[in-house]
Amino acid sequence: MQSSLYISSPINAILEGFYRDDITVDALRKKGDFGIGTFNQLDGEMIALHGSFFQLDLHGDACPVEGDKKTPFATMCHFKPILEEEITQHLTHAAFERHLKLILPSDNMFYAIYMTGRFKSVRTRSVPRTENYKPLSEATDRQKIRRFQNVEGHLVGFYTPPFVPSINVPGYHLHFIDKEYRAGGHLLTCEPEKLDIRLQIFFSMELTLPKTLDYLTASFVRNAEKDLEKAER
């Protein structure tokens, strides 16, 4: 069973507006049962949990995904947690972020993180379907926000160390889906009340480089970190 983290494409390809690739959901299933990402043309947020894949559309509505659907960017793993934590009281989002930083054994490793429980509030976003070559920051300018109150659900995501911003989103990158698997999106803020937290650490990573002509002929000389920060936060 695979024990390394799998990343289907460097995040810089997305930042440059390359929103198409040939990696299918069925191919991702071979890399793991747990993960997040997006779909070709940024057509919704992706969440994979317990081997089931969901698409969270522009309005935050969730639906199961067929195996032939394609992705330009996803992060996957076979989830095997080694650390467990609990949150048993209401936390503001700022306090929640501080708590997440404290539970990491080291800031310099990759982690998968799964949280399930009850939230006082959750705020998510999804971006509209976007044509190739338009900057990611332009797509996020047209994002839709969805708010949840007094909701139970799941947070799925990863922590990436700060020294690889061209490969994945530095820090925590989390997607939310409610308990009924009906709605969610890319997490912006949340206020948990009771959460079970499970953490997996990775000592190795597998990265696939796209074979598209766009990627093969691209120039990645510019620093896109500010674009990434604007798009993901």
C-alpha atoms as a PDB file:
ATOM      1  CA  MET A   1       0.000   0.000   0.000  1.00  0.00           C
ATOM      2  CA  GLN A   2       1.324   3.427  -0.954  1.00  0.00           C
ATOM      3  CA  SER A   3       2.648   5.425   1.994  1.00  0.00           C
ATOM      4  CA  SER A   4       3.792   8.560   0.171  1.00  0.00           C
ATOM      5  CA  LEU A   5       1.833  11.677  -0.680  1.00  0.00           C
ATOM      6  CA  TYR A   6       0.707  11.995  -4.295  1.00  0.00           C
ATOM      7  CA  ILE A   7       0.381  15.343  -6.118  1.00  0.00           C
ATOM      8  CA  SER A   8      -0.970  15.144  -9.667  1.00  0.00           C
ATOM      9  CA  SER A   9       0.587  18.412 -10.900  1.00  0.00           C
ATOM     10  CA  PRO A  10       2.566  21.353  -9.500  1.00  0.00           C
ATOM     11  CA  ILE A  11       0.280  24.137  -8.298  1.00  0.00           C
ATOM     12  CA  ASN A  12       2.225  26.611 -10.470  1.00  0.00           C
ATOM     13  CA  ALA A  13       0.566  25.110 -13.553  1.00  0.00           C
ATOM     14  CA  ILE A  14      -2.819  26.143 -12.151  1.00  0.00           C
ATOM     15  CA  LEU A  15      -1.510  29.597 -11.277  1.00  0.00           C
ATOM     16  CA  GLU A  16      -0.492  30.099 -14.909  1.00  0.00           C
ATOM     17  CA  GLY A  17      -4.000  29.208 -16.105  1.00  0.00           C
ATOM     18  CA  PHE A  18      -3.461  25.620 -17.265  1.00  0.00           C
ATOM     19  CA  TYR A  19      -6.794  24.142 -16.237  1.00  0.00           C
ATOM     20  CA  ARG A  20      -6.841  20.954 -18.332  1.00  0.00           C
ATOM     21  CA  ASP A  21      -5.072  17.638 -17.893  1.00  0.00           C
ATOM     22  CA  ASP A  22      -5.767  13.989 -18.678  1.00  0.00           C
ATOM     23  CA  ILE A  23      -5.639  12.478 -15.179  1.00  0.00           C
ATOM     24  CA  THR A  24      -8.967  10.826 -14.344  1.00  0.00           C
ATOM     25  CA  VAL A  25     -10.689  10.196 -11.042  1.00  0.00           C
ATOM     26  CA  ASP A  26     -10.170   6.470 -11.653  1.00  0.00           C
ATOM     27  CA  ALA A  27      -6.418   7.152 -11.879  1.00  0.00           C
ATOM     28  CA  LEU A  28      -6.561   9.111  -8.629  1.00  0.00           C
ATOM     29  CA  ARG A  29      -8.270   6.175  -6.908  1.00  0.00           C
ATOM     30  CA  LYS A  30      -5.106   4.157  -7.488  1.00  0.00           C
ATOM     31  CA  LYS A  31      -3.183   6.823  -5.569  1.00  0.00           C
ATOM     32  CA  GLY A  32      -5.440   7.036  -2.547  1.00  0.00           C
ATOM     33  CA  ASP A  33      -8.818   7.113  -0.833  1.00  0.00           C
ATOM     34  CA  PHE A  34      -8.476  10.593   0.663  1.00  0.00           C
ATOM     35  CA  GLY A  35      -7.760  13.932  -0.979  1.00  0.00           C
ATOM     36  CA  ILE A  36      -8.733  17.283  -2.421  1.00  0.00           C
ATOM     37  CA  GLY A  37      -8.335  19.119  -5.712  1.00  0.00           C
ATOM     38  CA  THR A  38     -10.345  20.548  -8.581  1.00  0.00           C
ATOM     39  CA  PHE A  39     -11.651  19.449 -11.990  1.00  0.00           C
ATOM     40  CA  ASN A  40     -10.795  20.459 -15.544  1.00  0.00           C
ATOM     41  CA  GLN A  41     -11.674  24.110 -16.243  1.00  0.00           C
ATOM     42  CA  LEU A  42     -11.827  24.614 -12.438  1.00  0.00           C
ATOM     43  CA  ASP A  43     -15.322  23.116 -12.615  1.00  0.00           C
ATOM     44  CA  GLY A  44     -15.898  22.802  -8.878  1.00  0.00           C
ATOM     45  CA  GLU A  45     -13.917  21.778  -5.818  1.00  0.00           C
ATOM     46  CA  MET A  46     -12.964  18.116  -5.301  1.00  0.00           C
ATOM     47  CA  ILE A  47     -13.126  16.154  -2.087  1.00  0.00           C
ATOM     48  CA  ALA A  48     -12.314  12.448  -1.687  1.00  0.00           C
ATOM     49  CA  LEU A  49     -13.229  10.726   1.572  1.00  0.00           C
ATOM     50  CA  HIS A  50     -13.307   6.994   2.363  1.00  0.00           C
ATOM     51  CA  GLY A  51     -12.752   6.329  -1.345  1.00  0.00           C
ATOM     52  CA  SER A  52     -15.769   8.343  -2.537  1.00  0.00           C
ATOM     53  CA  PHE A  53     -15.207  11.406  -4.740  1.00  0.00           C
ATOM     54  CA  PHE A  54     -17.477  14.456  -4.753  1.00  0.00           C
ATOM     55  CA  GLN A  55     -17.700  17.591  -6.874  1.00  0.00           C
ATOM     56  CA  LEU A  56     -18.704  20.790  -5.060  1.00  0.00           C
ATOM     57  CA  ASP A  57     -20.123  23.130  -7.678  1.00  0.00           C
ATOM     58  CA  LEU A  58     -20.103  26.926  -7.902  1.00  0.00           C
ATOM     59  CA  HIS A  59     -22.981  27.157  -5.414  1.00  0.00           C
ATOM     60  CA  GLY A  60     -21.438  24.634  -3.030  1.00  0.00           C
ATOM     61  CA  ASP A  61     -23.801  21.762  -3.867  1.00  0.00           C
ATOM     62  CA  ALA A  62     -22.189  18.308  -3.792  1.00  0.00           C
ATOM     63  CA  CYS A  63     -22.622  15.378  -6.160  1.00  0.00           C
ATOM     64  CA  PRO A  64     -20.763  12.062  -6.653  1.00  0.00           C
ATOM     65  CA  VAL A  65     -18.175  11.987  -9.434  1.00  0.00           C
ATOM     66  CA  GLU A  66     -17.821   9.466 -12.265  1.00  0.00           C
ATOM     67  CA  GLY A  67     -14.452   7.801 -12.774  1.00  0.00           C
ATOM     68  CA  ASP A  68     -13.792   9.354 -16.184  1.00  0.00           C
ATOM     69  CA  LYS A  69     -13.942  12.947 -14.921  1.00  0.00           C
ATOM     70  CA  LYS A  70     -10.555  14.666 -15.284  1.00  0.00           C
ATOM     71  CA  THR A  71      -8.481  16.893 -13.032  1.00  0.00           C
ATOM     72  CA  PRO A  72      -5.626  19.385 -13.570  1.00  0.00           C
ATOM     73  CA  PHE A  73      -4.656  19.310  -9.887  1.00  0.00           C
ATOM     74  CA  ALA A  74      -5.259  16.992  -6.942  1.00  0.00           C
ATOM     75  CA  THR A  75      -3.493  15.820  -3.801  1.00  0.00           C
ATOM     76  CA  MET A  76      -4.150  12.245  -2.649  1.00  0.00           C
ATOM     77  CA  CYS A  77      -3.071   9.622  -0.132  1.00  0.00           C
ATOM     78  CA  HIS A  78      -4.062   6.333   1.430  1.00  0.00           C
ATOM     79  CA  PHE A  79      -5.113   7.775   4.766  1.00  0.00           C
ATOM     80  CA  LYS A  80      -3.493   6.067   7.770  1.00  0.00           C
ATOM     81  CA  PRO A  81      -3.511   8.473  10.729  1.00  0.00           C
ATOM     82  CA  ILE A  82      -0.838   8.174  13.379  1.00  0.00           C
ATOM     83  CA  LEU A  83      -1.842  11.099  15.616  1.00  0.00           C
ATOM     84  CA  GLU A  84      -5.218  11.952  17.124  1.00  0.00           C
ATOM     85  CA  GLU A  85      -6.414  15.138  18.812  1.00  0.00           C
ATOM     86  CA  GLU A  86      -9.712  16.570  20.038  1.00  0.00           C
ATOM     87  CA  ILE A  87     -11.297  19.985  20.166  1.00  0.00           C
ATOM     88  CA  THR A  88     -13.974  20.029  22.869  1.00  0.00           C
ATOM     89  CA  GLN A  89     -14.868  23.715  23.065  1.00  0.00           C
ATOM     90  CA  HIS A  90     -15.870  26.534  20.751  1.00  0.00           C
ATOM     91  CA  LEU A  91     -12.912  28.152  18.988  1.00  0.00           C
ATOM     92  CA  THR A  92     -12.821  31.233  16.802  1.00  0.00           C
ATOM     93  CA  HIS A  93     -11.214  30.723  13.417  1.00  0.00           C
ATOM     94  CA  ALA A  94      -8.040  32.466  14.600  1.00  0.00           C
ATOM     95  CA  ALA A  95      -7.858  30.167  17.641  1.00  0.00           C
ATOM     96  CA  PHE A  96      -8.547  27.168  15.399  1.00  0.00           C
ATOM     97  CA  GLU A  97      -5.624  28.116  13.141  1.00  0.00           C
ATOM     98  CA  ARG A  98      -3.341  28.486  16.166  1.00  0.00           C
ATOM     99  CA  HIS A  99      -4.419  25.064  17.422  1.00  0.00           C
ATOM    100  CA  LEU A 100      -3.641  23.443  14.069  1.00  0.00           C
ATOM    101  CA  LYS A 101      -0.140  24.914  14.095  1.00  0.00           C
ATOM    102  CA  LEU A 102       0.519  23.547  17.575  1.00  0.00           C
ATOM    103  CA  ILE A 103      -0.357  19.928  16.776  1.00  0.00           C
ATOM    104  CA  LEU A 104       2.261  19.491  14.036  1.00  0.00           C
ATOM    105  CA  PRO A 105       5.389  17.621  15.184  1.00  0.00           C
ATOM    106  CA  SER A 106       7.384  19.655  12.619  1.00  0.00           C
ATOM    107  CA  ASP A 107       6.547  22.453  10.184  1.00  0.00           C
ATOM    108  CA  ASN A 108       8.919  20.928   7.632  1.00  0.00           C
ATOM    109  CA  MET A 109       6.966  17.794   6.704  1.00  0.00           C
ATOM    110  CA  PHE A 110       3.854  17.026   4.649  1.00  0.00           C
ATOM    111  CA  TYR A 111       0.684  15.965   6.489  1.00  0.00           C
ATOM    112  CA  ALA A 112      -2.813  14.747   5.676  1.00  0.00           C
ATOM    113  CA  ILE A 113      -5.447  15.926   8.129  1.00  0.00           C
ATOM    114  CA  TYR A 114      -9.017  14.735   8.648  1.00  0.00           C
ATOM    115  CA  MET A 115     -11.405  16.469  11.026  1.00  0.00           C
ATOM    116  CA  THR A 116     -15.000  15.529  11.721  1.00  0.00           C
ATOM    117  CA  GLY A 117     -17.502  16.997  14.146  1.00  0.00           C
ATOM    118  CA  ARG A 118     -19.684  19.992  14.894  1.00  0.00           C
ATOM    119  CA  PHE A 119     -19.195  23.611  13.874  1.00  0.00           C
ATOM    120  CA  LYS A 120     -20.865  26.815  15.015  1.00  0.00           C
ATOM    121  CA  SER A 121     -20.127  28.261  11.580  1.00  0.00           C
ATOM    122  CA  VAL A 122     -18.342  27.385   8.346  1.00  0.00           C
ATOM    123  CA  ARG A 123     -17.635  29.632   5.367  1.00  0.00           C
ATOM    124  CA  THR A 124     -16.603  28.063   2.054  1.00  0.00           C
ATOM    125  CA  ARG A 125     -16.078  29.139  -1.530  1.00  0.00           C
ATOM    126  CA  SER A 126     -16.218  27.634  -5.002  1.00  0.00           C
ATOM    127  CA  VAL A 127     -15.008  29.218  -8.234  1.00  0.00           C
ATOM    128  CA  PRO A 128     -16.817  29.308 -11.606  1.00  0.00           C
ATOM    129  CA  ARG A 129     -15.896  27.133 -14.566  1.00  0.00           C
ATOM    130  CA  THR A 130     -13.007  29.001 -16.208  1.00  0.00           C
ATOM    131  CA  GLU A 131     -11.391  28.810 -19.622  1.00  0.00           C
ATOM    132  CA  ASN A 132      -7.699  28.059 -19.994  1.00  0.00           C
ATOM    133  CA  TYR A 133      -5.093  30.825 -19.653  1.00  0.00           C
ATOM    134  CA  LYS A 134      -7.179  33.126 -17.457  1.00  0.00           C
ATOM    135  CA  PRO A 135      -5.280  33.774 -14.197  1.00  0.00           C
ATOM    136  CA  LEU A 136      -6.485  31.889 -11.138  1.00  0.00           C
ATOM    137  CA  SER A 137      -6.809  35.198  -9.309  1.00  0.00           C
ATOM    138  CA  GLU A 138      -9.377  36.275 -11.917  1.00  0.00           C
ATOM    139  CA  ALA A 139     -11.404  33.121 -11.319  1.00  0.00           C
ATOM    140  CA  THR A 140     -11.401  33.656  -7.559  1.00  0.00           C
ATOM    141  CA  ASP A 141     -12.618  37.217  -8.054  1.00  0.00           C
ATOM    142  CA  ARG A 142     -15.864  35.591  -9.289  1.00  0.00           C
ATOM    143  CA  GLN A 143     -16.113  33.004  -6.533  1.00  0.00           C
ATOM    144  CA  LYS A 144     -19.337  32.238  -4.675  1.00  0.00           C
ATOM    145  CA  ILE A 145     -19.387  32.130  -0.876  1.00  0.00           C
ATOM    146  CA  ARG A 146     -21.543  29.660   1.055  1.00  0.00           C
ATOM    147  CA  ARG A 147     -22.192  29.924   4.783  1.00  0.00           C
ATOM    148  CA  PHE A 148     -23.204  27.153   7.165  1.00  0.00           C
ATOM    149  CA  GLN A 149     -24.509  27.587  10.713  1.00  0.00           C
ATOM    150  CA  ASN A 150     -24.631  24.929  13.444  1.00  0.00           C
ATOM    151  CA  VAL A 151     -23.539  22.201  11.058  1.00  0.00           C
ATOM    152  CA  GLU A 152     -21.897  18.794  11.367  1.00  0.00           C
ATOM    153  CA  GLY A 153     -19.399  17.786   8.741  1.00  0.00           C
ATOM    154  CA  HIS A 154     -15.918  16.876   7.611  1.00  0.00           C
ATOM    155  CA  LEU A 155     -12.726  18.784   6.843  1.00  0.00           C
ATOM    156  CA  VAL A 156     -10.323  17.030   4.481  1.00  0.00           C
ATOM    157  CA  GLY A 157      -6.952  18.404   3.491  1.00  0.00           C
ATOM    158  CA  PHE A 158      -3.212  18.672   3.749  1.00  0.00           C
ATOM    159  CA  TYR A 159      -0.402  20.691   5.265  1.00  0.00           C
ATOM    160  CA  THR A 160       2.488  21.611   2.954  1.00  0.00           C
ATOM    161  CA  PRO A 161       5.785  23.010   4.293  1.00  0.00           C
ATOM    162  CA  PRO A 162       6.574  26.600   3.288  1.00  0.00           C
ATOM    163  CA  PHE A 163       9.632  25.800   1.167  1.00  0.00           C
ATOM    164  CA  VAL A 164       7.699  24.201  -1.752  1.00  0.00           C
ATOM    165  CA  PRO A 165       5.130  26.852  -2.802  1.00  0.00           C
ATOM    166  CA  SER A 166       5.528  25.982  -6.486  1.00  0.00           C
ATOM    167  CA  ILE A 167       4.364  22.399  -5.832  1.00  0.00           C
ATOM    168  CA  ASN A 168       1.412  22.745  -3.453  1.00  0.00           C
ATOM    169  CA  VAL A 169      -0.443  25.302  -1.349  1.00  0.00           C
ATOM    170  CA  PRO A 170       1.816  26.187   1.622  1.00  0.00           C
ATOM    171  CA  GLY A 171       0.303  25.669   5.058  1.00  0.00           C
ATOM    172  CA  TYR A 172      -3.099  24.076   5.516  1.00  0.00           C
ATOM    173  CA  HIS A 173      -5.359  23.591   2.483  1.00  0.00           C
ATOM    174  CA  LEU A 174      -8.775  22.242   3.546  1.00  0.00           C
ATOM    175  CA  HIS A 175     -12.089  21.404   1.898  1.00  0.00           C
ATOM    176  CA  PHE A 176     -15.384  21.013   3.793  1.00  0.00           C
ATOM    177  CA  ILE A 177     -18.369  18.763   3.157  1.00  0.00           C
ATOM    178  CA  ASP A 178     -21.370  18.454   5.443  1.00  0.00           C
ATOM    179  CA  LYS A 179     -22.388  15.267   7.253  1.00  0.00           C
ATOM    180  CA  GLU A 180     -24.992  14.388   4.607  1.00  0.00           C
ATOM    181  CA  TYR A 181     -22.493  14.895   1.718  1.00  0.00           C
ATOM    182  CA  ARG A 182     -24.795  17.483   0.188  1.00  0.00           C
ATOM    183  CA  ALA A 183     -22.806  20.729   0.304  1.00  0.00           C
ATOM    184  CA  GLY A 184     -19.413  22.256   0.987  1.00  0.00           C
ATOM    185  CA  GLY A 185     -16.410  23.848  -0.694  1.00  0.00           C
ATOM    186  CA  HIS A 186     -12.909  25.217  -0.201  1.00  0.00           C
ATOM    187  CA  LEU A 187     -12.636  26.249   3.454  1.00  0.00           C
ATOM    188  CA  LEU A 188     -12.222  29.956   4.139  1.00  0.00           C
ATOM    189  CA  THR A 189     -13.101  30.118   7.842  1.00  0.00           C
ATOM    190  CA  CYS A 190     -14.770  27.986  10.491  1.00  0.00           C
ATOM    191  CA  GLU A 191     -15.582  27.986  14.189  1.00  0.00           C
ATOM    192  CA  PRO A 192     -15.483  24.422  15.537  1.00  0.00           C
ATOM    193  CA  GLU A 193     -17.291  23.371  18.700  1.00  0.00           C
ATOM    194  CA  LYS A 194     -16.326  19.696  18.877  1.00  0.00           C
ATOM    195  CA  LEU A 195     -13.878  18.008  16.507  1.00  0.00           C
ATOM    196  CA  ASP A 196     -12.008  14.745  16.235  1.00  0.00           C
ATOM    197  CA  ILE A 197      -8.694  15.393  14.456  1.00  0.00           C
ATOM    198  CA  ARG A 198      -6.551  12.722  12.797  1.00  0.00           C
ATOM    199  CA  LEU A 199      -3.142  13.388  11.306  1.00  0.00           C
ATOM    200  CA  GLN A 200      -0.855  11.446   8.978  1.00  0.00           C
ATOM    201  CA  ILE A 201       2.769  12.394   8.325  1.00  0.00           C
ATOM    202  CA  PHE A 202       4.634  11.787   5.046  1.00  0.00           C
ATOM    203  CA  PHE A 203       8.363  11.306   4.561  1.00  0.00           C
ATOM    204  CA  SER A 204       8.134  11.071   0.771  1.00  0.00           C
ATOM    205  CA  MET A 205       6.124  12.583  -2.062  1.00  0.00           C
ATOM    206  CA  GLU A 206       5.243  11.542  -5.613  1.00  0.00           C
ATOM    207  CA  LEU A 207       4.718  14.354  -8.125  1.00  0.00           C
ATOM    208  CA  THR A 208       3.380  13.866 -11.653  1.00  0.00           C
ATOM    209  CA  LEU A 209       4.380  16.472 -14.237  1.00  0.00           C
ATOM    210  CA  PRO A 210       1.768  17.244 -16.924  1.00  0.00           C
ATOM    211  CA  LYS A 211       2.404  16.140 -20.501  1.00  0.00           C
ATOM    212  CA  THR A 212       0.208  18.801 -22.104  1.00  0.00           C
ATOM    213  CA  LEU A 213       1.720  21.134 -24.696  1.00  0.00           C
ATOM    214  CA  ASP A 214       0.766  24.118 -22.525  1.00  0.00           C
ATOM    215  CA  TYR A 215       2.870  22.810 -19.665  1.00  0.00           C
ATOM    216  CA  LEU A 216       5.779  21.602 -21.777  1.00  0.00           C
ATOM    217  CA  THR A 217       6.209  24.995 -23.448  1.00  0.00           C
ATOM    218  CA  ALA A 218       5.492  27.183 -20.408  1.00  0.00           C
ATOM    219  CA  SER A 219       7.930  29.490 -18.657  1.00  0.00           C
ATOM    220  CA  PHE A 220       7.694  29.373 -14.868  1.00  0.00           C
ATOM    221  CA  VAL A 221      10.276  32.057 -14.133  1.00  0.00           C
ATOM    222  CA  ARG A 222       7.952  34.519 -12.420  1.00  0.00           C
ATOM    223  CA  ASN A 223       7.237  34.340  -8.694  1.00  0.00           C
ATOM    224  CA  ALA A 224       3.566  33.405  -8.358  1.00  0.00           C
ATOM    225  CA  GLU A 225       3.411  33.175  -4.555  1.00  0.00           C
ATOM    226  CA  LYS A 226       1.322  36.348  -4.199  1.00  0.00           C
ATOM    227  CA  ASP A 227      -1.168  35.022  -6.753  1.00  0.00           C
ATOM    228  CA  LEU A 228      -1.424  31.793  -4.788  1.00  0.00           C
ATOM    229  CA  GLU A 229      -1.931  33.590  -1.495  1.00  0.00           C
ATOM    230  CA  LYS A 230      -4.716  35.713  -2.990  1.00  0.00           C
ATOM    231  CA  ALA A 231      -6.395  32.718  -4.623  1.00  0.00           C
ATOM    232  CA  GLU A 232      -6.292  30.311  -1.686  1.00  0.00           C
ATOM    233  CA  ARG A 233      -6.886  32.539   1.302  1.00  0.00           C
END
